Amino acid sequence: MKCRFAPSPTGLLHVGNLRSALLNWAYAKKNNGNFILRIDDTDQSRSSKEFENKIKENLTWLGVKWDKTFNQSERIDNYNLKIKKLKNEGRLYPCFETAEELSLKKKSLLSSGKPPIYDRSSLLLTEENIAEKIKSGQKPHWRFRLNDPIIEWHDLIKGKVKFDPKNLSDPILIREDGSLLYHLPSVIDDVEEEISHIIRGEDHISNTAFHIQLFEALGDSMPEFAHHPFLTDQDGKSFGKRIGSLSIDNLKDEGYEDVTIINYLINIGSSEDIKPETIKDKIIDNFNIENISTSSAKFSELVLKTLNADILKNYKFEQVSNRINFINSDLDLEKLWIFSHNNISFLKDIIDWSKIIVEIFDMNDHNISEDFIQTAVESIPEEPFNYESWDIWTKSISEKSGLKGKNLFLPLRLILTGKDKGPELKNFLPLLDRQTLLRKFGKT
């Protein structure tokens, strides 16, 4: 089996179109199939090599590997052969109405209470009529003539879908300037590449109706289809212009893990809970396209950030050791990870916790008594500090001062970290030495 992702290189990859890519990729991998990356760059005026390279760069960063990639701009000759076949068989026919004329026809039908379906008046043109129009300088656009039988399929997400061609306009496949709309090269390539499953957004569901007839006209059986709902914001509205801020480039720069993005976008809107899984193969093993809801899923940056934090909590030091070497090399990075990893949203946040190790905080801001400070200093355990040192230290302070609970632990936390909450301090002491501890208590 084969799945494909077919982005147009006219902008950055964002969470909306990446979701389609990931669903196709996961479905192919789970079923031991191939994943094809097709670059839909037939619109040369809007397509950019820069965007194409960025799309590939983003997919590579995420670990989404394709088995084959190609550009539609390289296949124009093949498209022309198929176009000739469809014209010869009468499935593609020339039309000469201007955009204004089509708009007037549409308004007239609507005002009469009729559906705004193209009236196929161009089918009445004779060869002589067509020749005369072309000779006079008129350039035709070309429509695909739909056949009458009901079009239906079992959608892997939507279930049974049915369209009556009588309620559809014959779609335009070739513009007046000879450029191809998305539909024709897409279906031709799906036939050529033997694509067996097409997973895409629900905005394509009406397109699929006539794509099915295109598959038949080109002499191929139709693939299986799945149409997933769009993602919305928390208010249930379209992302609109905000989608740019949710580009994969931006999410990467913010510090999101690749596995976080994959996990969230594959599972959002499904009946499965999103678990902080750190292994991509397990995410794929747990993926089931039938669990995707037919309703739009609400994309939440807060949920994404929380998931990222939970995934970092599940990382072992070995998984990040070569990625946190930007921290002061004098520190024991494994001990720093043990101390901080339960309290970071992004890997880069570990920098803030590393600074706290040597930072001195003004105790006057917290009204901590000199008696408490003196007792704590006198009770400092022997070096080197280990993961038992905290319990030894606090037990000694408690026995000498009579303090317990919050009255004991909060002043220590404020002196050591400057914060009233954070990581377990038993994991902090092994990062310190006696001199640093004394400096924090203002005793050097």
Protein backbone atom coordinates (compact mmCIF):
# COMPACT_ATOMS: atom_id res chain seq x y z
CA MET A 1 0.00 0.00 0.00
CA LYS A 2 1.05 3.58 -0.59
CA CYS A 3 0.12 6.94 0.93
CA ARG A 4 1.25 10.39 -0.12
CA PHE A 5 1.56 13.94 1.13
CA ALA A 6 1.35 16.61 -1.56
CA PRO A 7 2.18 20.11 -0.30
CA SER A 8 2.34 23.16 -2.52
CA PRO A 9 5.62 25.02 -1.92
CA THR A 10 3.89 28.38 -1.53
CA GLY A 11 4.38 28.82 2.21
CA LEU A 12 5.70 27.33 5.42
CA LEU A 13 4.59 23.95 6.74
CA HIS A 14 2.16 24.53 9.61
CA VAL A 15 0.16 22.37 12.03
CA GLY A 16 -2.80 22.17 9.64
CA ASN A 17 -1.09 20.65 6.63
CA LEU A 18 1.44 18.78 8.77
CA ARG A 19 -1.44 16.88 10.33
CA SER A 20 -2.31 15.48 6.89
CA ALA A 21 1.33 14.54 6.34
CA LEU A 22 1.57 12.75 9.67
CA LEU A 23 -1.67 10.83 9.23
CA ASN A 24 -0.52 9.55 5.83
CA TRP A 25 2.96 8.76 7.16
CA ALA A 26 1.68 6.94 10.24
CA TYR A 27 -0.90 4.97 8.24
CA ALA A 28 1.74 3.88 5.71
CA LYS A 29 4.29 2.92 8.37
CA LYS A 30 1.76 0.99 10.46
CA ASN A 31 0.71 -1.02 7.40
CA ASN A 32 4.27 -1.60 6.15
CA GLY A 33 3.58 0.61 3.14
CA ASN A 34 5.40 3.41 1.35
CA PHE A 35 5.13 7.12 2.03
CA ILE A 36 5.45 9.37 -1.03
CA LEU A 37 6.27 13.09 -0.90
CA ARG A 38 4.91 14.88 -3.96
CA ILE A 39 5.68 18.56 -4.46
CA ASP A 40 2.70 20.22 -6.17
CA ASP A 41 4.56 23.01 -7.96
CA THR A 42 2.65 23.32 -11.23
CA ASP A 43 1.76 26.90 -10.25
CA GLN A 44 5.22 28.27 -10.99
CA SER A 45 4.24 31.86 -10.24
CA ARG A 46 3.54 31.05 -6.58
CA SER A 47 5.84 28.09 -6.00
CA SER A 48 9.24 28.61 -4.43
CA LYS A 49 12.28 26.36 -4.16
CA GLU A 50 12.94 28.00 -0.82
CA PHE A 51 9.59 26.82 0.56
CA GLU A 52 10.09 23.36 -0.97
CA ASN A 53 13.42 23.02 0.80
CA LYS A 54 11.93 24.28 4.04
CA ILE A 55 9.09 21.72 3.88
CA LYS A 56 11.62 18.93 3.39
CA GLU A 57 13.81 20.34 6.17
CA ASN A 58 10.86 20.40 8.58
CA LEU A 59 9.79 16.85 7.76
CA THR A 60 13.38 15.64 8.14
CA TRP A 61 13.68 17.34 11.54
CA LEU A 62 10.50 15.59 12.65
CA GLY A 63 11.88 12.25 11.50
CA VAL A 64 9.22 11.86 8.81
CA LYS A 65 11.07 9.94 6.10
CA TRP A 66 9.68 9.47 2.60
CA ASP A 67 10.35 6.52 0.32
CA LYS A 68 10.16 8.64 -2.82
CA THR A 69 9.78 12.29 -3.73
CA PHE A 70 9.17 14.13 -7.00
CA ASN A 71 7.97 17.45 -8.36
CA GLN A 72 4.90 17.79 -10.54
CA SER A 73 6.70 20.39 -12.65
CA GLU A 74 8.87 17.55 -13.94
CA ARG A 75 5.91 15.61 -15.29
CA ILE A 76 4.20 18.08 -17.63
CA ASP A 77 4.74 15.84 -20.68
CA ASN A 78 2.88 12.99 -19.00
CA TYR A 79 0.02 15.28 -18.03
CA ASN A 80 -0.29 16.43 -21.64
CA LEU A 81 -0.57 12.82 -22.83
CA LYS A 82 -3.42 12.16 -20.39
CA ILE A 83 -5.08 15.44 -21.30
CA LYS A 84 -5.04 14.44 -24.97
CA LYS A 85 -6.67 11.12 -24.07
CA LEU A 86 -9.45 12.82 -22.08
CA LYS A 87 -10.08 15.34 -24.86
CA ASN A 88 -10.27 12.61 -27.50
CA GLU A 89 -12.80 10.73 -25.39
CA GLY A 90 -14.94 13.82 -24.88
CA ARG A 91 -14.42 13.96 -21.12
CA LEU A 92 -12.58 17.28 -21.35
CA TYR A 93 -14.45 19.94 -23.30
CA PRO A 94 -13.66 23.59 -24.09
CA CYS A 95 -15.66 26.47 -22.60
CA PHE A 96 -15.43 30.13 -23.49
CA GLU A 97 -17.51 31.96 -20.88
CA THR A 98 -15.71 34.79 -19.13
CA ALA A 99 -15.60 35.04 -15.35
CA GLU A 100 -18.21 37.80 -15.54
CA GLU A 101 -20.54 35.68 -17.67
CA LEU A 102 -20.23 32.74 -15.29
CA SER A 103 -20.94 35.04 -12.34
CA LEU A 104 -24.10 36.33 -14.02
CA LYS A 105 -25.28 32.78 -14.74
CA LYS A 106 -24.70 31.87 -11.12
CA LYS A 107 -26.65 34.88 -9.83
CA SER A 108 -29.51 34.15 -12.21
CA LEU A 109 -29.79 30.54 -11.03
CA LEU A 110 -29.67 31.56 -7.38
CA SER A 111 -32.33 34.22 -7.83
CA SER A 112 -34.55 31.56 -9.44
CA GLY A 113 -34.07 29.28 -6.44
CA LYS A 114 -31.96 26.82 -8.43
CA PRO A 115 -28.55 25.40 -7.48
CA PRO A 116 -25.69 27.32 -9.14
CA ILE A 117 -24.60 24.47 -11.39
CA TYR A 118 -22.90 25.02 -14.73
CA ASP A 119 -25.47 24.53 -17.52
CA ARG A 120 -23.12 22.72 -19.92
CA SER A 121 -24.01 25.15 -22.69
CA SER A 122 -20.51 24.72 -24.13
CA LEU A 123 -21.35 21.11 -25.02
CA LEU A 124 -23.67 22.53 -27.68
CA LEU A 125 -20.79 24.17 -29.52
CA THR A 126 -19.88 22.59 -32.84
CA GLU A 127 -16.32 22.09 -33.98
CA GLU A 128 -16.83 25.04 -36.32
CA ASN A 129 -18.03 27.22 -33.41
CA ILE A 130 -15.00 26.29 -31.38
CA ALA A 131 -12.60 26.91 -34.26
CA GLU A 132 -14.13 30.35 -34.90
CA LYS A 133 -13.82 31.38 -31.26
CA ILE A 134 -10.20 30.29 -31.08
CA LYS A 135 -9.45 32.05 -34.39
CA SER A 136 -10.97 35.25 -33.02
CA GLY A 137 -8.53 35.13 -30.12
CA GLN A 138 -10.73 33.60 -27.43
CA LYS A 139 -8.94 31.10 -25.21
CA PRO A 140 -10.97 28.26 -23.72
CA HIS A 141 -10.85 26.81 -20.27
CA TRP A 142 -11.52 23.08 -20.09
CA ARG A 143 -14.11 21.30 -17.99
CA PHE A 144 -14.36 17.63 -17.07
CA ARG A 145 -17.72 16.14 -18.01
CA LEU A 146 -19.17 14.17 -15.12
CA ASN A 147 -21.12 11.01 -15.84
CA ASP A 148 -24.57 10.43 -14.36
CA PRO A 149 -24.22 7.45 -11.95
CA ILE A 150 -24.24 8.24 -8.22
CA ILE A 151 -20.74 8.63 -6.83
CA GLU A 152 -20.21 6.96 -3.48
CA TRP A 153 -17.44 5.54 -1.34
CA HIS A 154 -16.75 4.35 2.19
CA ASP A 155 -14.60 6.99 3.81
CA LEU A 156 -12.21 5.67 6.48
CA ILE A 157 -13.17 8.58 8.75
CA LYS A 158 -16.55 9.88 7.50
CA GLY A 159 -18.14 6.53 6.74
CA LYS A 160 -20.48 6.29 3.75
CA VAL A 161 -20.35 9.35 1.47
CA LYS A 162 -22.58 9.88 -1.56
CA PHE A 163 -22.83 12.55 -4.27
CA ASP A 164 -25.30 12.90 -7.12
CA PRO A 165 -23.39 14.31 -10.14
CA LYS A 166 -26.56 16.14 -11.16
CA ASN A 167 -25.91 18.43 -8.19
CA LEU A 168 -22.31 19.15 -9.20
CA SER A 169 -20.85 21.45 -11.79
CA ASP A 170 -18.44 19.94 -14.28
CA PRO A 171 -15.14 21.08 -12.73
CA ILE A 172 -12.66 23.27 -14.55
CA LEU A 173 -9.36 21.40 -14.85
CA ILE A 174 -7.42 23.65 -17.24
CA ARG A 175 -7.43 27.45 -17.13
CA GLU A 176 -7.53 29.79 -20.12
CA ASP A 177 -3.76 30.26 -19.95
CA GLY A 178 -3.23 26.51 -20.16
CA SER A 179 -2.20 26.09 -16.52
CA LEU A 180 -3.56 23.08 -14.68
CA LEU A 181 -5.68 23.22 -11.58
CA TYR A 182 -4.77 20.89 -8.72
CA HIS A 183 -7.19 18.11 -9.63
CA LEU A 184 -5.92 16.70 -12.92
CA PRO A 185 -2.17 16.34 -12.20
CA SER A 186 -3.01 15.08 -8.72
CA VAL A 187 -5.12 12.19 -9.97
CA ILE A 188 -2.70 11.42 -12.82
CA ASP A 189 0.16 11.15 -10.34
CA ASP A 190 -1.90 9.05 -7.93
CA VAL A 191 -2.53 6.63 -10.78
CA GLU A 192 1.12 6.61 -11.88
CA GLU A 193 2.40 6.06 -8.34
CA GLU A 194 -0.27 3.47 -7.52
CA ILE A 195 -1.41 5.38 -4.44
CA SER A 196 -3.76 3.12 -2.51
CA HIS A 197 -4.87 5.46 0.30
CA ILE A 198 -5.45 9.22 0.25
CA ILE A 199 -5.84 10.93 3.62
CA ARG A 200 -6.57 14.66 3.43
CA GLY A 201 -8.67 17.49 4.84
CA GLU A 202 -12.44 17.48 4.61
CA ASP A 203 -12.33 20.53 2.33
CA HIS A 204 -11.47 18.04 -0.43
CA ILE A 205 -14.52 15.84 0.08
CA SER A 206 -16.50 17.31 -2.83
CA ASN A 207 -13.35 17.22 -4.98
CA THR A 208 -13.09 13.51 -4.26
CA ALA A 209 -16.46 13.00 -5.93
CA PHE A 210 -15.16 14.01 -9.33
CA HIS A 211 -11.65 12.69 -8.65
CA ILE A 212 -13.26 9.26 -8.49
CA GLN A 213 -14.63 9.75 -11.99
CA LEU A 214 -11.22 10.98 -13.11
CA PHE A 215 -9.65 7.76 -11.82
CA GLU A 216 -12.20 5.80 -13.83
CA ALA A 217 -11.67 7.92 -16.96
CA LEU A 218 -7.93 7.28 -16.71
CA GLY A 219 -8.58 3.56 -16.48
CA ASP A 220 -7.74 3.01 -12.85
CA SER A 221 -9.68 1.86 -9.80
CA MET A 222 -10.12 4.46 -7.11
CA PRO A 223 -7.98 4.39 -3.95
CA GLU A 224 -9.42 4.42 -0.46
CA PHE A 225 -10.13 7.86 0.96
CA ALA A 226 -10.17 9.41 4.42
CA HIS A 227 -11.13 13.02 5.07
CA HIS A 228 -10.19 14.45 8.45
CA PRO A 229 -11.83 17.58 9.91
CA PHE A 230 -9.94 20.84 10.18
CA LEU A 231 -8.28 21.95 13.37
CA THR A 232 -9.83 25.01 15.01
CA ASP A 233 -8.76 27.39 17.75
CA GLN A 234 -10.13 27.12 21.29
CA ASP A 235 -13.25 29.07 20.31
CA GLY A 236 -14.01 26.63 17.51
CA LYS A 237 -13.02 29.14 14.84
CA SER A 238 -10.68 28.71 11.90
CA PHE A 239 -7.06 29.60 12.58
CA GLY A 240 -7.13 32.03 9.68
CA LYS A 241 -4.11 34.33 9.74
CA ARG A 242 -2.89 32.81 13.03
CA ILE A 243 -1.86 29.63 11.21
CA GLY A 244 1.43 31.34 10.29
CA SER A 245 2.41 31.60 13.95
CA LEU A 246 1.91 27.85 14.18
CA SER A 247 4.42 27.00 11.50
CA ILE A 248 6.71 24.09 12.27
CA ASP A 249 9.65 26.51 12.08
CA ASN A 250 8.15 28.61 14.86
CA LEU A 251 7.29 25.62 17.04
CA LYS A 252 10.82 24.29 16.61
CA ASP A 253 12.30 27.68 17.52
CA GLU A 254 10.10 27.84 20.62
CA GLY A 255 11.66 24.59 21.75
CA TYR A 256 9.02 21.95 21.12
CA GLU A 257 10.27 18.39 20.80
CA ASP A 258 9.72 16.68 17.45
CA VAL A 259 8.01 13.77 19.20
CA THR A 260 5.63 16.18 20.98
CA ILE A 261 4.39 17.65 17.70
CA ILE A 262 4.01 14.21 16.11
CA ASN A 263 2.22 12.78 19.13
CA TYR A 264 -0.21 15.69 19.41
CA LEU A 265 -1.12 16.05 15.74
CA ILE A 266 -1.59 12.32 15.17
CA ASN A 267 -3.82 11.89 18.22
CA ILE A 268 -5.67 15.21 18.47
CA GLY A 269 -9.36 14.75 17.74
CA SER A 270 -9.25 10.99 18.27
CA SER A 271 -11.01 8.87 20.85
CA GLU A 272 -7.64 8.01 22.39
CA ASP A 273 -6.09 10.02 25.21
CA ILE A 274 -2.86 11.74 24.25
CA LYS A 275 -0.16 10.09 26.33
CA PRO A 276 3.38 11.53 26.74
CA GLU A 277 4.96 8.84 24.59
CA THR A 278 8.62 9.50 23.77
CA ILE A 279 9.12 6.77 21.14
CA LYS A 280 7.75 7.51 17.67
CA ASP A 281 7.33 3.86 16.71
CA LYS A 282 5.03 3.34 19.69
CA ILE A 283 2.94 6.35 18.65
CA ILE A 284 2.53 4.75 15.24
CA ASP A 285 1.75 1.32 16.72
CA ASN A 286 -1.05 2.91 18.78
CA PHE A 287 -2.43 4.88 15.83
CA ASN A 288 -5.83 3.86 14.45
CA ILE A 289 -7.41 6.05 11.78
CA GLU A 290 -10.88 4.82 12.75
CA ASN A 291 -10.46 6.59 16.11
CA ILE A 292 -10.35 10.03 14.46
CA SER A 293 -13.51 11.99 15.19
CA THR A 294 -15.70 13.35 12.43
CA SER A 295 -15.90 16.65 14.36
CA SER A 296 -13.30 19.39 14.27
CA ALA A 297 -10.59 19.15 16.92
CA LYS A 298 -9.60 22.20 18.96
CA PHE A 299 -5.89 22.92 18.80
CA SER A 300 -4.55 24.17 22.13
CA GLU A 301 -1.09 25.63 22.51
CA LEU A 302 -1.47 25.17 26.28
CA VAL A 303 -2.14 21.44 25.85
CA LEU A 304 0.80 21.19 23.42
CA LYS A 305 3.08 22.91 25.93
CA THR A 306 1.88 20.68 28.77
CA LEU A 307 2.46 17.60 26.62
CA ASN A 308 5.98 18.83 25.86
CA ALA A 309 6.70 19.20 29.58
CA ASP A 310 5.33 15.72 30.28
CA ILE A 311 7.47 14.22 27.53
CA LEU A 312 10.59 15.88 28.98
CA LYS A 313 9.72 14.35 32.35
CA ASN A 314 9.79 10.92 30.71
CA TYR A 315 13.18 11.40 29.05
CA LYS A 316 16.15 9.58 30.49
CA PHE A 317 19.39 11.57 30.73
CA GLU A 318 20.89 9.47 27.94
CA GLN A 319 18.20 10.80 25.56
CA VAL A 320 19.23 14.43 26.08
CA SER A 321 22.88 14.29 27.18
CA ASN A 322 24.22 15.45 23.81
CA ARG A 323 21.59 18.21 23.59
CA ILE A 324 22.27 20.00 26.87
CA ASN A 325 26.00 20.46 26.40
CA PHE A 326 25.31 24.18 25.97
CA ILE A 327 25.25 24.35 29.79
CA ASN A 328 28.35 25.27 31.83
CA SER A 329 30.69 22.33 31.37
CA ASP A 330 31.80 22.53 35.02
CA LEU A 331 28.41 21.22 36.08
CA ASP A 332 27.49 17.58 36.36
CA LEU A 333 24.86 17.58 33.60
CA GLU A 334 23.25 14.35 34.72
CA LYS A 335 22.70 15.73 38.22
CA LEU A 336 21.36 18.96 36.69
CA TRP A 337 18.91 16.91 34.61
CA ILE A 338 17.74 14.90 37.62
CA PHE A 339 17.16 18.15 39.51
CA SER A 340 15.40 20.17 36.83
CA HIS A 341 13.69 17.98 34.23
CA ASN A 342 10.38 17.74 36.09
CA ASN A 343 10.06 21.52 36.09
CA ILE A 344 10.77 22.58 32.51
CA SER A 345 8.43 23.09 29.58
CA PHE A 346 11.25 23.23 27.02
CA LEU A 347 14.76 21.84 27.07
CA LYS A 348 16.20 25.36 26.96
CA ASP A 349 14.51 26.13 30.30
CA ILE A 350 17.23 24.09 31.98
CA ILE A 351 19.49 27.13 31.56
CA ASP A 352 17.41 29.04 34.13
CA TRP A 353 17.78 26.25 36.68
CA SER A 354 21.52 26.00 36.03
CA LYS A 355 21.92 29.71 36.85
CA ILE A 356 20.17 29.23 40.19
CA ILE A 357 23.01 26.97 41.34
CA VAL A 358 25.42 29.89 41.82
CA GLU A 359 22.93 32.76 42.12
CA ILE A 360 22.68 34.55 45.48
CA PHE A 361 19.24 35.79 46.59
CA ASP A 362 18.46 38.68 48.93
CA MET A 363 17.04 37.12 52.10
CA ASN A 364 15.75 40.51 53.29
CA ASP A 365 12.99 40.15 50.70
CA HIS A 366 11.59 37.15 52.58
CA ASN A 367 11.93 38.14 56.27
CA ILE A 368 13.95 35.04 57.15
CA SER A 369 15.25 35.24 60.72
CA GLU A 370 18.94 35.27 61.49
CA ASP A 371 18.37 32.48 64.01
CA PHE A 372 17.04 30.22 61.26
CA ILE A 373 19.97 31.09 59.00
CA GLN A 374 22.49 30.39 61.74
CA THR A 375 20.86 27.06 62.62
CA ALA A 376 20.80 26.00 58.96
CA VAL A 377 24.48 26.89 58.49
CA GLU A 378 25.52 25.02 61.64
CA SER A 379 23.62 21.96 60.41
CA ILE A 380 25.18 21.71 56.94
CA PRO A 381 26.11 18.04 56.42
CA GLU A 382 29.50 16.77 55.40
CA GLU A 383 30.73 17.01 51.82
CA PRO A 384 30.40 15.72 49.19
CA PHE A 385 26.63 16.20 49.19
CA ASN A 386 24.56 13.30 47.87
CA TYR A 387 20.87 12.48 47.51
CA GLU A 388 20.58 11.66 51.22
CA SER A 389 22.16 14.95 52.35
CA TRP A 390 18.90 16.91 52.18
CA ASP A 391 17.08 14.64 54.63
CA ILE A 392 20.07 14.65 56.99
CA TRP A 393 20.26 18.45 56.86
CA THR A 394 16.55 19.21 57.31
CA LYS A 395 16.22 16.66 60.12
CA SER A 396 19.06 18.35 61.98
CA ILE A 397 17.56 21.85 61.47
CA SER A 398 14.17 20.61 62.63
CA GLU A 399 15.58 19.04 65.79
CA LYS A 400 17.46 22.24 66.71
CA SER A 401 14.71 24.75 65.80
CA GLY A 402 11.51 22.78 66.31
CA LEU A 403 10.34 23.85 62.85
CA LYS A 404 8.48 21.47 60.56
CA GLY A 405 6.64 21.43 57.25
CA LYS A 406 6.27 24.71 55.40
CA ASN A 407 7.95 26.72 58.16
CA LEU A 408 11.05 24.60 57.69
CA PHE A 409 11.15 23.96 53.97
CA LEU A 410 9.95 27.28 52.48
CA PRO A 411 12.75 29.45 53.94
CA LEU A 412 15.33 26.95 52.69
CA ARG A 413 13.81 26.92 49.22
CA LEU A 414 13.75 30.73 49.07
CA ILE A 415 17.39 30.98 50.16
CA LEU A 416 18.58 28.29 47.76
CA THR A 417 16.50 29.04 44.65
CA GLY A 418 14.78 32.39 45.17
CA LYS A 419 11.48 30.68 44.36
CA ASP A 420 8.63 29.46 46.56
CA LYS A 421 8.19 26.29 44.52
CA GLY A 422 10.15 24.16 42.12
CA PRO A 423 12.12 20.92 41.86
CA GLU A 424 12.82 18.62 44.80
CA LEU A 425 15.65 20.14 46.78
CA LYS A 426 17.07 16.74 47.70
CA ASN A 427 18.19 16.71 44.04
CA PHE A 428 19.66 20.20 44.35
CA LEU A 429 22.26 19.66 47.07
CA PRO A 430 24.39 17.24 45.00
CA LEU A 431 24.96 20.15 42.57
CA LEU A 432 26.42 22.35 45.35
CA ASP A 433 29.50 22.43 47.53
CA ARG A 434 29.85 23.87 51.02
CA GLN A 435 31.32 27.18 49.85
CA THR A 436 28.43 27.82 47.44
CA LEU A 437 25.97 26.95 50.18
CA LEU A 438 27.60 29.34 52.60
CA ARG A 439 27.52 32.13 50.01
CA LYS A 440 23.78 31.60 49.56
CA PHE A 441 23.38 32.03 53.34
CA GLY A 442 25.53 35.18 53.31
CA LYS A 443 28.31 33.61 55.35
CA THR A 444 31.35 34.16 53.12
